[in-house]
Amino acid sequence: MSTAVDTNTDSNRTVVLSSRPKSLEECISKFDHELELESDSEAIYCNVTTDSLLCWPRTPAGTTTSQPCPSLEGSDTTKFAYRSCDLNGEWSSKWDDDSSAWTNYTQCYSSEAELIFQFDSENIRKASAEDLTDSSILGICGLSMSLLAIFFTLAYVRYKKYSGPRMDVYRNLFATLVLEASVKLSFQIILLMVWLEDGLVVTVFDIPHLCEVFVVILEFAEITTYIWTALHGHLSYLEVKQYDPLKVQVLYAVLGWGVPIITLAEWLAVQTATNDAPCWYGYRFQQSAWILELPRVWALICSLVFLAYTIWSLNETGHMRDISEVHMIKRSTLACLAYIFFLTMSLCTSLVLANLAHNSINKMHLLALIYTITFLTSFRGLFFTIGYWLWENQGRNWYQKDCNSLYPIIF
């Protein structure tokens, strides 16, 4: 049976409830029978309410009430959650521009769990269902356009029978982008269905093991995209060094697919041992996420180092090389720089997302972040194919004049 304890009637009150409320009516009934407050007609009170996790009693204005933290994943039930009642008899909000009441659960969670709770439970709910639906539609459009662009490019390359080390790199890069876009498109469609149907449909998120498979495939494709972009930069480095790229094709395959497999295996071992949440909920906010992020960071750093050497070498020895060879290396370098810039933007926004979970952000900033991340990740395949058509497509000269105008800026 539930119990309630009123420990202080001055400025702070502690209420102990053992069961999780199912409705506001249940909370009202519970406090009507179990919690006795002074009936002073002139006194101002905040009404009985619930935040879906706990019931909060009728509380005098200007006071703070507390109760043990709820029994949830990552919550410390020996600590307390708090709610404050304003002097006007309204439950206090966290933000000045927000009228919704706020429950302070910050003491209930460890640092990692607190990040997940604060961002997902407080901030993300400030975005309306309409905004999130629009974001999902943007993602579906971007991913669909990316897939169409990649398939068209691959069909064109196959029709023209292009071959060589650089085309092998692009084929692998496009394969990872197709895998990534396909999984993300599935997620976006599922999310849109959930929001439109008010969560009444059964989705992949309701099937933990299937959801985890989707997450693994997505993270594998993400890391592989970064690794093959780094190998693209390394290929320019080999060309400027006049080293035969055919000799490293096997090494490229091992690095391009082996590094992500090893990284995922290590990350999976950590998740299995430390994260019991369905679909590893909140894994992006945990310290173990750096197992996934560090290979991406190193891939970008290595790419920049390779391209910096390539640019320096072309400036020093370009006049002694064949003109067509120099132009080919320059175009390839420009393409790789564009890819690195785009991937860096995506990586930075994901890191900013995790960092902002530490802080309160208003709705406009949150929506801007959501739309930015959706745009950068959804249109990635489209921008990579545009880069290929602008700088790498063989047998086309219509773009060379525009590209040549960029050379003095970089080379």
Protein backbone atom coordinates (compact mmCIF):
# COMPACT_ATOMS: atom_id res chain seq x y z
CA MET A 1 0.00 0.00 0.00
CA SER A 2 1.19 3.54 -0.74
CA THR A 3 2.28 5.76 2.11
CA ALA A 4 2.73 9.49 2.38
CA VAL A 5 4.84 11.37 4.89
CA ASP A 6 4.78 15.13 5.48
CA THR A 7 8.04 16.03 7.21
CA ASN A 8 7.95 19.85 7.26
CA THR A 9 5.19 22.37 6.71
CA ASP A 10 7.31 25.54 6.59
CA SER A 11 9.38 25.88 3.44
CA ASN A 12 10.29 22.32 2.51
CA ARG A 13 8.07 19.27 2.56
CA THR A 14 8.93 15.64 1.87
CA VAL A 15 6.35 13.20 0.56
CA VAL A 16 7.08 9.48 0.23
CA LEU A 17 5.03 7.53 -2.31
CA SER A 18 5.81 3.95 -3.27
CA SER A 19 3.81 3.48 -6.46
CA ARG A 20 4.02 5.14 -9.85
CA PRO A 21 0.83 7.06 -10.77
CA LYS A 22 -1.31 6.03 -13.70
CA SER A 23 -3.38 9.21 -13.89
CA LEU A 24 -4.01 12.57 -12.23
CA GLU A 25 -7.26 11.20 -10.79
CA GLU A 26 -5.29 8.48 -9.02
CA CYS A 27 -3.01 11.11 -7.48
CA ILE A 28 -5.95 13.22 -6.33
CA SER A 29 -7.65 10.20 -4.81
CA LYS A 30 -4.44 9.12 -3.10
CA PHE A 31 -3.82 12.49 -1.46
CA ASP A 32 -7.47 12.96 -0.50
CA HIS A 33 -7.28 9.79 1.56
CA GLU A 34 -3.69 9.71 2.75
CA LEU A 35 -2.34 13.27 2.96
CA GLU A 36 -3.82 15.77 5.39
CA LEU A 37 -3.18 19.45 4.78
CA GLU A 38 -4.45 22.40 6.74
CA SER A 39 -7.67 23.66 5.19
CA ASP A 40 -7.16 27.40 5.27
CA SER A 41 -9.48 29.19 2.87
CA GLU A 42 -7.15 32.20 2.67
CA ALA A 43 -3.99 30.17 2.04
CA ILE A 44 -2.66 29.74 -1.48
CA TYR A 45 -1.71 26.24 -2.66
CA CYS A 46 -0.43 24.51 -5.77
CA ASN A 47 -2.88 21.79 -6.78
CA VAL A 48 -2.21 18.07 -6.73
CA THR A 49 -0.51 17.03 -9.98
CA THR A 50 1.61 14.34 -11.64
CA ASP A 51 4.54 14.42 -14.04
CA SER A 52 3.82 10.79 -15.09
CA LEU A 53 6.62 9.53 -12.83
CA LEU A 54 5.50 10.78 -9.42
CA CYS A 55 2.44 12.27 -7.73
CA TRP A 56 2.93 15.73 -6.24
CA PRO A 57 0.71 16.79 -3.32
CA ARG A 58 -1.18 19.98 -2.67
CA THR A 59 1.64 22.31 -1.63
CA PRO A 60 1.58 25.74 0.07
CA ALA A 61 2.75 28.66 -2.06
CA GLY A 62 6.39 29.62 -1.63
CA THR A 63 7.48 26.15 -0.52
CA THR A 64 9.36 23.23 -2.05
CA THR A 65 8.20 19.63 -1.76
CA SER A 66 10.37 16.56 -2.27
CA GLN A 67 10.10 12.80 -2.46
CA PRO A 68 12.38 9.83 -3.20
CA CYS A 69 13.54 9.46 -6.79
CA PRO A 70 11.49 7.09 -8.98
CA SER A 71 12.64 3.53 -9.60
CA LEU A 72 13.95 3.96 -13.14
CA GLU A 73 17.06 2.89 -15.03
CA GLY A 74 19.99 4.92 -13.71
CA SER A 75 18.00 6.53 -10.89
CA ASP A 76 19.25 6.52 -7.28
CA THR A 77 16.16 5.92 -5.12
CA THR A 78 18.03 6.99 -1.98
CA LYS A 79 18.04 10.58 -3.23
CA PHE A 80 15.21 13.05 -3.75
CA ALA A 81 13.32 14.83 -6.52
CA TYR A 82 11.95 18.34 -5.92
CA ARG A 83 9.12 20.59 -7.02
CA SER A 84 8.61 24.22 -6.06
CA CYS A 85 5.33 26.09 -5.67
CA ASP A 86 5.42 29.78 -6.66
CA LEU A 87 3.98 32.50 -4.46
CA ASN A 88 1.00 32.77 -6.82
CA GLY A 89 0.07 29.11 -6.37
CA GLU A 90 1.51 27.80 -9.65
CA TRP A 91 4.09 25.04 -9.97
CA SER A 92 7.46 26.57 -10.90
CA SER A 93 8.88 26.16 -14.40
CA LYS A 94 12.55 25.80 -15.28
CA TRP A 95 12.63 28.48 -17.98
CA ASP A 96 11.22 31.99 -17.77
CA ASP A 97 9.64 31.68 -21.23
CA ASP A 98 8.09 28.28 -20.47
CA SER A 99 4.77 27.91 -18.66
CA SER A 100 5.06 24.16 -18.06
CA ALA A 101 5.87 22.94 -14.55
CA TRP A 102 9.27 21.40 -13.91
CA THR A 103 10.38 18.61 -11.61
CA ASN A 104 14.01 18.72 -10.49
CA TYR A 105 15.35 15.18 -10.93
CA THR A 106 19.00 16.21 -11.21
CA GLN A 107 19.99 14.57 -7.92
CA CYS A 108 18.44 11.27 -8.99
CA TYR A 109 20.90 10.46 -11.73
CA SER A 110 24.59 9.83 -12.20
CA SER A 111 26.37 12.11 -14.65
CA GLU A 112 25.71 9.95 -17.73
CA ALA A 113 22.14 9.07 -16.80
CA GLU A 114 21.46 12.72 -15.98
CA LEU A 115 22.55 13.74 -19.49
CA ILE A 116 20.15 11.27 -21.04
CA PHE A 117 17.28 12.23 -18.75
CA GLN A 118 17.75 15.99 -19.06
CA PHE A 119 18.06 16.06 -22.82
CA ASP A 120 15.49 13.45 -23.76
CA SER A 121 12.90 14.10 -21.07
CA GLU A 122 13.07 17.87 -20.77
CA ASN A 123 14.53 19.46 -23.86
CA ILE A 124 13.30 17.20 -26.63
CA ARG A 125 9.72 17.41 -25.36
CA LYS A 126 9.80 21.17 -25.83
CA ALA A 127 9.77 20.55 -29.57
CA SER A 128 6.22 20.00 -30.73
CA ALA A 129 5.08 16.91 -32.61
CA GLU A 130 4.58 19.12 -35.68
CA ASP A 131 8.20 20.29 -35.57
CA LEU A 132 9.51 16.76 -35.16
CA THR A 133 7.28 15.54 -37.98
CA ASP A 134 8.65 18.28 -40.25
CA SER A 135 12.18 17.24 -39.30
CA SER A 136 11.36 13.63 -40.12
CA ILE A 137 9.92 14.63 -43.50
CA LEU A 138 13.09 16.64 -44.22
CA GLY A 139 15.14 13.56 -43.36
CA ILE A 140 13.06 11.30 -45.60
CA CYS A 141 13.40 13.73 -48.52
CA GLY A 142 17.16 14.09 -48.06
CA LEU A 143 17.79 10.37 -47.69
CA SER A 144 15.59 9.54 -50.69
CA MET A 145 17.42 12.09 -52.85
CA SER A 146 20.76 10.75 -51.62
CA LEU A 147 19.86 7.18 -52.52
CA LEU A 148 18.59 8.17 -55.96
CA ALA A 149 21.73 10.22 -56.66
CA ILE A 150 24.04 7.40 -55.55
CA PHE A 151 22.21 4.74 -57.56
CA PHE A 152 22.24 6.95 -60.65
CA THR A 153 25.97 7.62 -60.26
CA LEU A 154 26.77 3.94 -59.76
CA ALA A 155 24.69 3.02 -62.81
CA TYR A 156 26.50 5.66 -64.87
CA VAL A 157 29.92 4.44 -63.71
CA ARG A 158 28.98 0.87 -64.56
CA TYR A 159 27.66 1.92 -67.98
CA LYS A 160 30.88 3.81 -68.76
CA LYS A 161 32.94 0.90 -67.37
CA TYR A 162 35.15 3.21 -65.35
CA SER A 163 37.84 1.39 -63.39
CA GLY A 164 41.02 2.00 -61.43
CA PRO A 165 42.02 2.51 -57.80
CA ARG A 166 40.09 5.76 -57.45
CA MET A 167 36.88 4.23 -58.75
CA ASP A 168 37.34 1.31 -56.35
CA VAL A 169 37.52 3.81 -53.49
CA TYR A 170 34.37 5.54 -54.73
CA ARG A 171 32.48 2.28 -55.13
CA ASN A 172 33.24 1.35 -51.53
CA LEU A 173 32.42 4.86 -50.34
CA PHE A 174 29.10 4.87 -52.18
CA ALA A 175 28.31 1.39 -50.82
CA THR A 176 28.70 2.66 -47.24
CA LEU A 177 26.56 5.70 -48.03
CA VAL A 178 23.81 3.46 -49.45
CA LEU A 179 23.90 1.28 -46.34
CA GLU A 180 23.83 4.31 -44.04
CA ALA A 181 21.05 6.09 -45.93
CA SER A 182 18.91 2.94 -46.11
CA VAL A 183 19.02 2.37 -42.35
CA LYS A 184 18.42 6.05 -41.57
CA LEU A 185 15.52 6.18 -44.02
CA SER A 186 13.94 3.21 -42.25
CA PHE A 187 14.34 4.97 -38.90
CA GLN A 188 12.89 8.24 -40.22
CA ILE A 189 9.85 6.51 -41.72
CA ILE A 190 9.28 4.64 -38.46
CA LEU A 191 9.55 7.85 -36.43
CA LEU A 192 7.11 9.60 -38.75
CA MET A 193 4.65 6.73 -38.36
CA VAL A 194 4.93 6.90 -34.58
CA TRP A 195 4.29 10.65 -34.44
CA LEU A 196 1.42 10.56 -36.93
CA GLU A 197 -0.23 7.58 -35.25
CA ASP A 198 0.46 8.84 -31.72
CA GLY A 199 2.68 5.89 -30.91
CA LEU A 200 -0.01 3.27 -31.59
CA VAL A 201 1.97 1.30 -34.17
CA VAL A 202 4.46 -1.45 -33.41
CA THR A 203 7.89 -0.39 -34.64
CA VAL A 204 11.45 -1.60 -34.65
CA PHE A 205 11.93 0.34 -31.40
CA ASP A 206 9.51 -2.07 -29.71
CA ILE A 207 11.66 -5.07 -30.71
CA PRO A 208 14.92 -4.60 -28.76
CA HIS A 209 17.15 -7.08 -30.60
CA LEU A 210 16.01 -5.91 -34.04
CA CYS A 211 16.51 -2.30 -33.00
CA GLU A 212 20.03 -3.12 -31.79
CA VAL A 213 20.84 -4.70 -35.15
CA PHE A 214 19.74 -1.49 -36.87
CA VAL A 215 21.93 0.58 -34.53
CA VAL A 216 24.98 -1.62 -35.18
CA ILE A 217 24.51 -1.39 -38.96
CA LEU A 218 24.08 2.38 -38.76
CA GLU A 219 27.18 2.93 -36.63
CA PHE A 220 29.18 0.56 -38.85
CA ALA A 221 28.18 2.51 -41.96
CA GLU A 222 28.99 5.84 -40.27
CA ILE A 223 32.51 4.79 -39.29
CA THR A 224 33.12 3.15 -42.67
CA THR A 225 32.19 6.38 -44.47
CA TYR A 226 34.82 8.29 -42.50
CA ILE A 227 37.49 5.62 -43.06
CA TRP A 228 36.96 5.47 -46.83
CA THR A 229 37.05 9.26 -46.99
CA ALA A 230 40.45 9.12 -45.28
CA LEU A 231 41.57 6.50 -47.81
CA HIS A 232 40.40 8.84 -50.57
CA GLY A 233 42.76 11.46 -49.18
CA HIS A 234 45.56 8.90 -48.85
CA LEU A 235 45.13 7.99 -52.51
CA SER A 236 45.87 11.59 -53.51
CA TYR A 237 48.94 11.39 -51.28
CA LEU A 238 50.12 8.24 -53.10
CA GLU A 239 49.52 9.82 -56.49
CA VAL A 240 51.57 12.88 -55.67
CA LYS A 241 54.29 10.56 -54.34
CA GLN A 242 54.05 8.67 -57.67
CA TYR A 243 53.47 5.39 -55.86
CA ASP A 244 51.43 2.70 -57.62
CA PRO A 245 47.98 2.68 -55.89
CA LEU A 246 47.32 -0.85 -57.17
CA LYS A 247 49.77 -2.14 -54.58
CA VAL A 248 47.62 -0.95 -51.68
CA GLN A 249 44.17 -2.06 -52.82
CA VAL A 250 44.15 -5.05 -50.47
CA LEU A 251 45.35 -2.83 -47.61
CA TYR A 252 42.57 -0.35 -48.39
CA ALA A 253 39.95 -3.11 -48.21
CA VAL A 254 41.33 -4.33 -44.88
CA LEU A 255 41.39 -0.82 -43.39
CA GLY A 256 38.12 0.35 -44.93
CA TRP A 257 36.08 -2.58 -43.64
CA GLY A 258 38.29 -4.04 -40.91
CA VAL A 259 38.70 -0.95 -38.72
CA PRO A 260 34.92 -0.43 -38.40
CA ILE A 261 34.41 -4.12 -37.56
CA ILE A 262 37.06 -4.02 -34.82
CA THR A 263 35.66 -0.74 -33.47
CA LEU A 264 32.10 -2.08 -33.39
CA ALA A 265 33.22 -5.29 -31.70
CA GLU A 266 34.90 -3.32 -28.92
CA TRP A 267 31.91 -1.01 -28.54
CA LEU A 268 29.46 -3.93 -28.50
CA ALA A 269 31.44 -5.60 -25.73
CA VAL A 270 31.20 -2.44 -23.63
CA GLN A 271 27.49 -1.96 -24.34
CA THR A 272 26.68 -5.57 -23.49
CA ALA A 273 28.47 -5.24 -20.17
CA THR A 274 27.26 -1.79 -19.13
CA ASN A 275 24.03 -0.84 -20.91
CA ASP A 276 20.91 -2.90 -20.20
CA ALA A 277 18.49 -0.37 -21.67
CA PRO A 278 16.39 -1.47 -24.67
CA CYS A 279 18.17 -0.62 -27.91
CA TRP A 280 21.04 0.75 -25.76
CA TYR A 281 18.96 3.83 -25.10
CA GLY A 282 21.08 6.94 -24.61
CA TYR A 283 24.35 5.37 -25.74
CA ARG A 284 25.30 8.56 -27.58
CA PHE A 285 25.54 10.38 -24.25
CA GLN A 286 27.73 7.81 -22.53
CA GLN A 287 31.52 7.87 -22.26
CA SER A 288 31.66 4.67 -24.32
CA ALA A 289 30.43 6.69 -27.31
CA TRP A 290 34.03 7.86 -27.72
CA ILE A 291 34.87 4.34 -28.91
CA LEU A 292 32.78 5.23 -31.97
CA GLU A 293 33.79 8.88 -32.22
CA LEU A 294 37.58 8.55 -31.98
CA PRO A 295 38.01 6.58 -35.25
CA ARG A 296 36.00 9.28 -37.01
CA VAL A 297 38.12 12.04 -35.51
CA TRP A 298 41.34 10.25 -36.43
CA ALA A 299 40.07 9.60 -39.96
CA LEU A 300 39.44 13.32 -40.46
CA ILE A 301 42.82 14.28 -38.99
CA CYS A 302 44.65 11.77 -41.19
CA SER A 303 42.75 13.01 -44.25
CA LEU A 304 43.80 16.59 -43.57
CA VAL A 305 47.44 15.54 -43.07
CA PHE A 306 47.47 13.62 -46.36
CA LEU A 307 45.86 16.48 -48.25
CA ALA A 308 48.15 19.08 -46.67
CA TYR A 309 51.17 17.14 -47.92
CA THR A 310 49.53 16.73 -51.33
CA ILE A 311 48.92 20.47 -51.67
CA TRP A 312 52.45 21.29 -50.49
CA SER A 313 53.99 18.78 -52.89
CA LEU A 314 52.00 20.08 -55.86
CA ASN A 315 53.09 23.62 -55.09
CA GLU A 316 56.72 22.51 -54.93
CA THR A 317 56.93 20.02 -57.79
CA GLY A 318 53.80 20.60 -59.87
CA HIS A 319 55.71 22.40 -62.63
CA MET A 320 57.76 19.24 -63.23
CA ARG A 321 54.73 16.97 -63.70
CA ASP A 322 52.41 16.23 -66.56
CA ILE A 323 49.69 18.90 -66.69
CA SER A 324 46.81 16.41 -67.00
CA GLU A 325 48.12 14.45 -64.01
CA VAL A 326 48.41 17.61 -61.92
CA HIS A 327 44.84 18.65 -62.77
CA MET A 328 43.54 15.19 -61.89
CA ILE A 329 45.24 15.27 -58.48
CA LYS A 330 44.00 18.80 -57.84
CA ARG A 331 40.41 17.87 -58.67
CA SER A 332 40.62 14.83 -56.43
CA THR A 333 42.05 16.94 -53.61
CA LEU A 334 39.26 19.49 -53.93
CA ALA A 335 36.66 16.72 -53.79
CA CYS A 336 38.22 15.20 -50.69
CA LEU A 337 38.44 18.60 -48.98
CA ALA A 338 34.73 19.10 -49.63
CA TYR A 339 33.93 15.66 -48.19
CA ILE A 340 36.06 16.33 -45.11
CA PHE A 341 34.35 19.66 -44.52
CA PHE A 342 30.91 18.07 -44.73
CA LEU A 343 31.84 15.16 -42.44
CA THR A 344 33.48 17.54 -39.98
CA MET A 345 30.27 19.57 -39.79
CA SER A 346 28.29 16.39 -39.13
CA LEU A 347 30.70 15.19 -36.44
CA CYS A 348 30.79 18.59 -34.73
CA THR A 349 27.00 18.84 -34.58
CA SER A 350 26.74 15.38 -33.01
CA LEU A 351 29.35 16.33 -30.40
CA VAL A 352 27.58 19.64 -29.76
CA LEU A 353 24.33 17.72 -29.31
CA ALA A 354 25.87 15.59 -26.56
CA ASN A 355 27.48 18.66 -24.96
CA LEU A 356 24.24 20.66 -24.93
CA ALA A 357 22.63 17.91 -22.89
CA HIS A 358 24.59 19.36 -19.97
CA ASN A 359 22.77 22.68 -20.32
CA SER A 360 19.26 23.98 -20.71
CA ILE A 361 18.49 25.29 -24.18
CA ASN A 362 15.40 27.04 -25.41
CA LYS A 363 13.05 25.61 -27.99
CA MET A 364 14.35 27.64 -30.94
CA HIS A 365 17.94 26.54 -30.33
CA LEU A 366 16.82 22.95 -29.95
CA LEU A 367 14.86 23.00 -33.20
CA ALA A 368 17.74 24.65 -35.04
CA LEU A 369 20.01 21.87 -33.80
CA ILE A 370 17.54 19.15 -34.80
CA TYR A 371 17.09 20.55 -38.31
CA THR A 372 20.84 21.07 -38.77
CA ILE A 373 21.67 17.50 -37.78
CA THR A 374 18.87 16.12 -39.93
CA PHE A 375 20.02 18.13 -42.95
CA LEU A 376 23.71 17.23 -42.63
CA THR A 377 23.13 13.52 -42.14
CA SER A 378 20.27 13.09 -44.61
CA PHE A 379 21.81 14.92 -47.56
CA ARG A 380 25.30 13.45 -47.08
CA GLY A 381 24.97 10.98 -49.96
CA LEU A 382 23.67 13.70 -52.29
CA PHE A 383 26.59 16.01 -51.54
CA PHE A 384 29.12 13.22 -52.03
CA THR A 385 27.68 12.42 -55.45
CA ILE A 386 27.70 16.12 -56.36
CA GLY A 387 31.38 16.18 -55.38
CA TYR A 388 32.03 13.22 -57.65
CA TRP A 389 30.28 14.81 -60.61
CA LEU A 390 32.02 18.14 -60.11
CA TRP A 391 35.58 16.96 -59.60
CA GLU A 392 36.00 13.26 -60.29
CA ASN A 393 33.80 12.33 -63.24
CA GLN A 394 35.98 11.13 -66.09
CA GLY A 395 35.41 12.35 -69.62
CA ARG A 396 33.62 15.54 -68.65
CA ASN A 397 35.09 19.00 -69.21
CA TRP A 398 32.15 21.31 -68.53
CA TYR A 399 33.15 21.83 -64.91
CA GLN A 400 36.89 22.26 -65.34
CA LYS A 401 36.80 26.02 -65.91
CA ASP A 402 34.93 26.59 -62.65
CA CYS A 403 37.21 24.20 -60.77
CA ASN A 404 40.33 25.84 -62.16
CA SER A 405 39.24 29.13 -60.59
CA LEU A 406 39.51 27.48 -57.16
CA TYR A 407 43.06 26.26 -57.63
CA PRO A 408 44.84 29.55 -56.79
CA ILE A 409 42.93 29.71 -53.50
CA ILE A 410 44.10 26.29 -52.31
CA PHE A 411 47.19 25.41 -54.33
